């Protein structure tokens, strides 16, 4: 086994161990929330009933149905058994709907919102940061404070401001949802335009903050590279500025590419509060609903999906960097 294979095997072991720990926490942590989910469900089902024996039977039926009457270790064993068969359980709050069906309907909305926002914000932010570092002068003096100010605004704060100004006051955009409630999802021009209108404000609230953060990061890395010894040495050798700039910005982009990959990996769980503010039908809104209803299976399903996405993104970055980064390659050779 060569050095790179050992490097990948070691990463597989540690990420596998992390996944096992994440699965355990996904089961235990929701059950540490104070309250009884069966009592909440039973109270809804027995609304208007006066017979105490009937109410008790409904409560006991749901307790057995959800396995809450079993010891915690037994519940965990059932959870693992179902997990290996791709069964995340049945939602308490939306009984008898399976958690996998809820997540399958929510993931496209989250990806459709956050993936374009992350990519657009990353591209524009890095371009502006590189120009600010290279051009300097007025452009840098204006861009840097503006980017710093925007980056300091949390996603949810900007989302609330935009919701109040553009939706509530000016009424340019709808207040909530993924499309007009009276519409049936279908491939039609009216439905697509409704989705676009509901998509715009959450999209912009994520893009603007992303641009600010990426611009600051790229500017700092570019300035660091421009003042490096190899740049000064290249200039003394008479190498053209254009060629030097290509190497400078290629090196400066490495951390930014890492940030992009991690952002894509965490987009399933990123900006969840932004989705909640706009009641956008993504993972964030469903996770918030599940926590309010003490819906253990749905909470575990959402957090497990987020954990897997983050671990996959980090693992992919480690594997790619181990192959292309000469510093990591050197460390691999030293371990031989």
Protein backbone atom coordinates (compact mmCIF):
# COMPACT_ATOMS: atom_id res chain seq x y z
CA UNK A 1 0.00 0.00 0.00
CA UNK A 2 1.50 3.35 -1.05
CA UNK A 3 1.50 6.56 0.99
CA UNK A 4 -1.61 8.01 -0.64
CA UNK A 5 -3.63 4.81 -0.09
CA UNK A 6 -2.69 4.83 3.60
CA UNK A 7 -3.65 8.50 3.78
CA UNK A 8 -7.13 7.76 2.29
CA UNK A 9 -7.60 4.68 4.51
CA UNK A 10 -6.83 6.75 7.59
CA UNK A 11 -9.36 9.40 6.52
CA UNK A 12 -12.00 6.72 5.86
CA UNK A 13 -11.47 5.36 9.39
CA UNK A 14 -11.78 8.73 11.13
CA UNK A 15 -14.75 9.90 9.08
CA UNK A 16 -16.44 6.53 9.59
CA UNK A 17 -15.94 6.87 13.36
CA UNK A 18 -17.33 10.40 13.24
CA UNK A 19 -20.39 9.14 11.36
CA UNK A 20 -21.01 6.47 14.03
CA UNK A 21 -20.83 9.13 16.75
CA UNK A 22 -23.15 11.40 14.73
CA UNK A 23 -25.71 8.59 14.37
CA UNK A 24 -25.67 8.05 18.14
CA UNK A 25 -26.09 11.77 18.85
CA UNK A 26 -28.87 12.04 16.27
CA UNK A 27 -30.82 9.45 18.23
CA UNK A 28 -30.06 10.65 21.77
CA UNK A 29 -30.19 14.47 21.54
CA UNK A 30 -33.81 14.83 20.29
CA UNK A 31 -34.97 12.61 23.17
CA UNK A 32 -33.30 14.95 25.65
CA UNK A 33 -35.74 17.72 24.72
CA UNK A 34 -38.20 18.24 27.56
CA UNK A 35 -41.73 17.09 26.81
CA UNK A 36 -43.72 14.07 25.69
CA UNK A 37 -44.44 13.89 21.95
CA UNK A 38 -47.18 11.28 22.39
CA UNK A 39 -49.09 13.58 24.76
CA UNK A 40 -49.02 16.34 22.13
CA UNK A 41 -50.26 14.01 19.38
CA UNK A 42 -52.88 12.38 21.58
CA UNK A 43 -54.24 15.77 22.65
CA UNK A 44 -54.80 16.66 19.01
CA UNK A 45 -56.41 13.32 18.19
CA UNK A 46 -58.71 13.41 21.23
CA UNK A 47 -59.79 17.02 20.85
CA UNK A 48 -63.47 17.16 21.76
CA UNK A 49 -63.52 13.71 23.39
CA UNK A 50 -64.81 13.48 26.95
CA UNK A 51 -64.45 9.75 27.67
CA UNK A 52 -61.28 9.35 29.76
CA UNK A 53 -60.96 5.63 28.89
CA UNK A 54 -61.03 6.41 25.13
CA UNK A 55 -58.44 9.15 25.60
CA UNK A 56 -56.24 6.74 27.57
CA UNK A 57 -56.54 4.08 24.84
CA UNK A 58 -55.53 6.60 22.15
CA UNK A 59 -52.50 7.59 24.23
CA UNK A 60 -51.47 3.97 24.82
CA UNK A 61 -51.98 3.09 21.14
CA UNK A 62 -49.62 5.84 19.97
CA UNK A 63 -47.11 5.01 22.71
CA UNK A 64 -46.88 1.44 21.44
CA UNK A 65 -46.98 2.53 17.78
CA UNK A 66 -43.97 4.83 18.18
CA UNK A 67 -42.13 2.48 20.56
CA UNK A 68 -41.86 5.10 23.29
CA UNK A 69 -42.81 2.44 25.86
CA UNK A 70 -39.62 0.48 25.08
CA UNK A 71 -36.30 1.00 26.94
CA UNK A 72 -33.98 3.52 25.32
CA UNK A 73 -31.47 0.87 24.21
CA UNK A 74 -34.24 -1.13 22.58
CA UNK A 75 -35.42 1.98 20.76
CA UNK A 76 -31.85 2.62 19.62
CA UNK A 77 -31.55 -0.95 18.29
CA UNK A 78 -34.77 -0.52 16.31
CA UNK A 79 -33.50 2.83 15.04
CA UNK A 80 -30.24 1.27 13.79
CA UNK A 81 -32.05 -1.68 12.20
CA UNK A 82 -34.40 0.67 10.33
CA UNK A 83 -31.52 2.97 9.38
CA UNK A 84 -29.62 0.19 7.61
CA UNK A 85 -32.73 -0.53 5.51
CA UNK A 86 -33.15 3.14 4.57
CA UNK A 87 -36.11 3.59 6.91
CA UNK A 88 -35.91 6.80 8.97
CA UNK A 89 -39.18 6.09 10.72
CA UNK A 90 -42.64 7.62 10.67
CA UNK A 91 -43.14 11.27 11.49
CA UNK A 92 -44.96 11.88 14.78
CA UNK A 93 -46.38 15.24 13.73
CA UNK A 94 -47.41 14.16 10.22
CA UNK A 95 -48.40 10.60 11.09
CA UNK A 96 -48.45 8.27 9.17
CA UNK A 97 -46.14 9.99 6.66
CA UNK A 98 -42.61 8.49 6.43
CA UNK A 99 -39.68 10.79 7.23
CA UNK A 100 -37.97 9.81 3.96
CA UNK A 101 -40.94 11.18 1.98
CA UNK A 102 -40.79 14.49 3.86
CA UNK A 103 -37.04 14.84 3.31
CA UNK A 104 -37.35 13.84 -0.35
CA UNK A 105 -39.80 16.70 -0.89
CA UNK A 106 -37.71 19.21 1.13
CA UNK A 107 -34.20 18.59 -0.23
CA UNK A 108 -34.92 19.89 -3.79
CA UNK A 109 -36.18 23.17 -2.34
CA UNK A 110 -33.11 23.59 -0.12
CA UNK A 111 -30.67 22.68 -2.91
CA UNK A 112 -32.57 24.84 -5.42
CA UNK A 113 -32.29 27.81 -3.08
CA UNK A 114 -28.81 27.46 -1.63
CA UNK A 115 -26.71 25.90 -4.41
CA UNK A 116 -27.25 28.79 -6.90
CA UNK A 117 -26.88 31.33 -4.07
CA UNK A 118 -23.58 29.81 -2.89
CA UNK A 119 -22.14 29.56 -6.42
CA UNK A 120 -23.17 33.10 -7.45
CA UNK A 121 -21.96 34.60 -4.17
CA UNK A 122 -18.67 32.68 -4.40
CA UNK A 123 -17.94 33.75 -7.98
CA UNK A 124 -18.83 37.43 -7.53
CA UNK A 125 -17.17 37.66 -4.11
CA UNK A 126 -13.86 36.16 -5.26
CA UNK A 127 -13.80 38.30 -8.37
CA UNK A 128 -14.38 41.48 -6.37
CA UNK A 129 -11.82 40.45 -3.73
CA UNK A 130 -9.14 39.73 -6.34
CA UNK A 131 -9.77 43.06 -8.11
CA UNK A 132 -9.64 44.94 -4.80
CA UNK A 133 -6.28 43.36 -3.89
CA UNK A 134 -4.76 43.90 -7.33
CA UNK A 135 -6.11 47.36 -8.16
CA UNK A 136 -6.12 48.79 -4.61
CA UNK A 137 -6.83 52.52 -4.46
CA UNK A 138 -10.41 53.77 -4.32
CA UNK A 139 -11.90 50.44 -5.35
CA UNK A 140 -10.32 48.70 -2.39
CA UNK A 141 -11.19 51.49 0.05
CA UNK A 142 -14.86 51.28 -0.94
CA UNK A 143 -15.21 47.52 -1.42
CA UNK A 144 -13.54 46.37 1.78
CA UNK A 145 -15.70 48.38 4.26
CA UNK A 146 -18.88 47.50 2.35
CA UNK A 147 -17.99 43.80 2.20
CA UNK A 148 -17.04 43.82 5.90
CA UNK A 149 -20.34 45.46 6.81
CA UNK A 150 -22.44 43.03 4.76
CA UNK A 151 -20.51 40.01 6.04
CA UNK A 152 -21.16 41.07 9.64
CA UNK A 153 -24.93 40.83 9.07
CA UNK A 154 -26.32 37.39 9.94
CA UNK A 155 -28.38 35.61 7.29
CA UNK A 156 -31.56 35.81 9.34
CA UNK A 157 -31.16 39.53 10.14
CA UNK A 158 -30.77 40.45 6.49
CA UNK A 159 -33.65 38.10 5.66
CA UNK A 160 -35.94 39.85 8.18
CA UNK A 161 -34.94 43.29 6.87
CA UNK A 162 -35.56 42.30 3.25
CA UNK A 163 -38.84 40.62 4.18
CA UNK A 164 -40.06 43.75 5.95
CA UNK A 165 -38.94 46.21 3.25
CA UNK A 166 -39.63 44.38 -0.01
CA UNK A 167 -42.48 42.05 0.96
CA UNK A 168 -44.39 43.69 3.80
CA UNK A 169 -43.90 47.40 3.01
CA UNK A 170 -43.37 47.61 -0.77
CA UNK A 171 -45.24 44.34 -1.51
CA UNK A 172 -42.91 43.57 -4.43
CA UNK A 173 -42.49 39.96 -3.37
CA UNK A 174 -44.61 37.40 -1.46
CA UNK A 175 -44.19 37.03 2.28
CA UNK A 176 -43.71 33.29 2.62
CA UNK A 177 -43.79 29.85 1.05
CA UNK A 178 -42.23 28.32 -2.05
CA UNK A 179 -45.14 29.19 -4.36
CA UNK A 180 -48.67 30.58 -4.18
CA UNK A 181 -50.77 28.41 -1.89
CA UNK A 182 -53.71 28.22 -4.27
CA UNK A 183 -51.54 26.74 -7.02
CA UNK A 184 -50.92 23.05 -7.69
CA UNK A 185 -47.25 22.14 -8.45
CA UNK A 186 -46.97 21.53 -12.18
CA UNK A 187 -44.70 22.33 -15.10
CA UNK A 188 -46.43 25.51 -16.25
CA UNK A 189 -45.31 29.10 -16.83
CA UNK A 190 -47.52 30.51 -14.04
CA UNK A 191 -46.23 28.01 -11.49
CA UNK A 192 -42.58 28.56 -12.48
CA UNK A 193 -42.98 32.35 -12.20
CA UNK A 194 -44.60 31.90 -8.78
CA UNK A 195 -41.62 29.80 -7.63
CA UNK A 196 -39.19 32.43 -8.96
CA UNK A 197 -40.99 35.25 -7.11
CA UNK A 198 -40.93 33.31 -3.83
CA UNK A 199 -37.30 32.29 -4.46
CA UNK A 200 -35.92 35.80 -5.03
CA UNK A 201 -35.78 37.28 -1.50
CA UNK A 202 -34.30 34.19 0.25
CA UNK A 203 -31.82 33.87 -2.63
CA UNK A 204 -30.67 37.50 -2.36
CA UNK A 205 -30.38 37.38 1.45
CA UNK A 206 -27.92 34.46 1.15
CA UNK A 207 -26.05 35.81 -1.89
CA UNK A 208 -25.32 39.25 -0.41
CA UNK A 209 -23.81 37.84 2.80
CA UNK A 210 -21.86 35.23 0.83
CA UNK A 211 -20.40 37.88 -1.50
CA UNK A 212 -19.18 39.90 1.48
CA UNK A 213 -17.45 36.96 3.14
CA UNK A 214 -15.84 35.66 -0.04
CA UNK A 215 -14.63 39.12 -1.09
CA UNK A 216 -12.91 39.65 2.27
CA UNK A 217 -11.29 36.21 2.20
CA UNK A 218 -10.04 36.52 -1.37
CA UNK A 219 -8.72 40.03 -0.79
CA UNK A 220 -6.73 38.97 2.27
CA UNK A 221 -5.29 35.86 0.60
CA UNK A 222 -4.38 37.79 -2.56
CA UNK A 223 -2.59 40.52 -0.60
CA UNK A 224 -0.69 37.83 1.32
CA UNK A 225 0.39 36.11 -1.91
CA UNK A 226 1.30 39.39 -3.64
CA UNK A 227 3.73 40.15 -0.81
CA UNK A 228 5.28 36.67 -0.79
CA UNK A 229 8.98 36.11 -1.47
CA UNK A 230 8.36 34.16 -4.68
CA UNK A 231 6.50 37.15 -6.16
CA UNK A 232 9.34 39.54 -5.37
CA UNK A 233 11.87 37.04 -6.72
CA UNK A 234 9.84 36.58 -9.92
CA UNK A 235 9.74 40.33 -10.46
CA UNK A 236 13.52 40.54 -10.02
CA UNK A 237 13.85 37.82 -12.70
CA UNK A 238 11.82 39.99 -15.04
CA UNK A 239 8.81 37.68 -15.32
CA UNK A 240 5.76 39.47 -16.69
CA UNK A 241 3.15 40.72 -14.19
CA UNK A 242 0.38 38.84 -15.99
CA UNK A 243 2.12 35.51 -15.51
CA UNK A 244 2.92 36.28 -11.88
CA UNK A 245 -0.72 37.25 -11.26
CA UNK A 246 -1.92 33.89 -12.55
CA UNK A 247 0.25 32.07 -10.00
CA UNK A 248 -0.73 34.50 -7.24
CA UNK A 249 -4.46 34.11 -7.71
CA UNK A 250 -4.18 30.37 -8.29
CA UNK A 251 -2.54 30.02 -4.85
CA UNK A 252 -4.99 32.45 -3.28
CA UNK A 253 -7.91 30.43 -4.63
CA UNK A 254 -6.97 27.21 -2.78
CA UNK A 255 -8.55 28.20 0.57
CA UNK A 256 -11.51 29.69 -1.30
CA UNK A 257 -12.10 26.42 -3.15
CA UNK A 258 -12.02 24.63 0.20
CA UNK A 259 -14.59 27.10 1.48
CA UNK A 260 -16.78 26.51 -1.58
CA UNK A 261 -16.72 22.75 -1.13
CA UNK A 262 -17.57 23.04 2.55
CA UNK A 263 -20.36 25.50 1.77
CA UNK A 264 -21.83 23.10 -0.77
CA UNK A 265 -21.55 20.28 1.74
CA UNK A 266 -23.23 22.29 4.50
CA UNK A 267 -25.91 23.82 2.27
CA UNK A 268 -28.40 21.17 3.40
CA UNK A 269 -28.10 22.64 6.88
CA UNK A 270 -26.79 26.10 6.04
CA UNK A 271 -28.96 29.20 6.28
CA UNK A 272 -31.71 27.17 7.96
CA UNK A 273 -32.99 30.24 9.78
CA UNK A 274 -33.27 32.05 6.44
CA UNK A 275 -35.65 29.31 5.28
CA UNK A 276 -37.58 29.60 8.54
CA UNK A 277 -37.95 33.39 8.17
CA UNK A 278 -39.46 33.00 4.70
CA UNK A 279 -41.31 29.75 5.57
CA UNK A 280 -39.52 28.25 2.59
CA UNK A 281 -40.37 24.53 2.24
CA UNK A 282 -36.81 23.29 2.75
CA UNK A 283 -34.95 21.30 5.41
CA UNK A 284 -34.73 24.31 7.75
CA UNK A 285 -38.48 24.83 7.94
CA UNK A 286 -39.16 21.11 8.49
CA UNK A 287 -36.47 20.90 11.20
CA UNK A 288 -38.00 23.88 13.00
CA UNK A 289 -41.47 22.30 12.76
CA UNK A 290 -40.13 18.96 14.01
CA UNK A 291 -38.50 20.57 17.07
CA UNK A 292 -41.71 22.39 17.97
CA UNK A 293 -43.71 19.14 17.72
CA UNK A 294 -41.05 16.97 19.42
CA UNK A 295 -41.04 14.86 16.28
CA UNK A 296 -38.06 12.61 17.12
CA UNK A 297 -37.84 10.72 13.80
CA UNK A 298 -38.05 13.89 11.70
CA UNK A 299 -35.49 15.72 13.87
CA UNK A 300 -33.11 12.75 13.61
CA UNK A 301 -33.69 12.49 9.84
CA UNK A 302 -32.93 16.18 9.24
CA UNK A 303 -29.83 16.30 11.44
CA UNK A 304 -28.51 13.00 10.06
CA UNK A 305 -28.87 14.30 6.51
CA UNK A 306 -26.99 17.47 7.46
CA UNK A 307 -24.24 15.49 9.22
CA UNK A 308 -23.73 13.14 6.25
CA UNK A 309 -23.55 16.06 3.81
CA UNK A 310 -20.94 17.86 5.96
CA UNK A 311 -18.83 14.70 6.40
CA UNK A 312 -18.93 13.90 2.67
CA UNK A 313 -17.84 17.44 1.80
CA UNK A 314 -14.93 17.35 4.25
CA UNK A 315 -13.88 13.86 3.18
CA UNK A 316 -13.93 14.84 -0.51
CA UNK A 317 -11.79 17.90 0.19
CA UNK A 318 -9.27 15.86 2.20
CA UNK A 319 -8.98 13.24 -0.54
CA UNK A 320 -8.55 15.83 -3.32
CA UNK A 321 -6.05 17.88 -1.31
CA UNK A 322 -4.07 14.76 -0.48
CA UNK A 323 -3.67 14.22 -4.20
CA UNK A 324 -2.97 17.76 -5.45
CA UNK A 325 -1.41 19.64 -2.52
CA UNK A 326 2.39 19.13 -2.50
CA UNK A 327 2.59 19.93 1.23
CA UNK A 328 0.28 17.05 2.12
CA UNK A 329 2.14 14.81 -0.32
CA UNK A 330 5.39 15.64 1.45
CA UNK A 331 3.81 14.76 4.82
CA UNK A 332 2.67 11.41 3.38
CA UNK A 333 6.20 10.64 2.23
CA UNK A 334 7.62 11.49 5.66
CA UNK A 335 5.26 8.96 7.31
CA UNK A 336 6.65 6.12 5.14
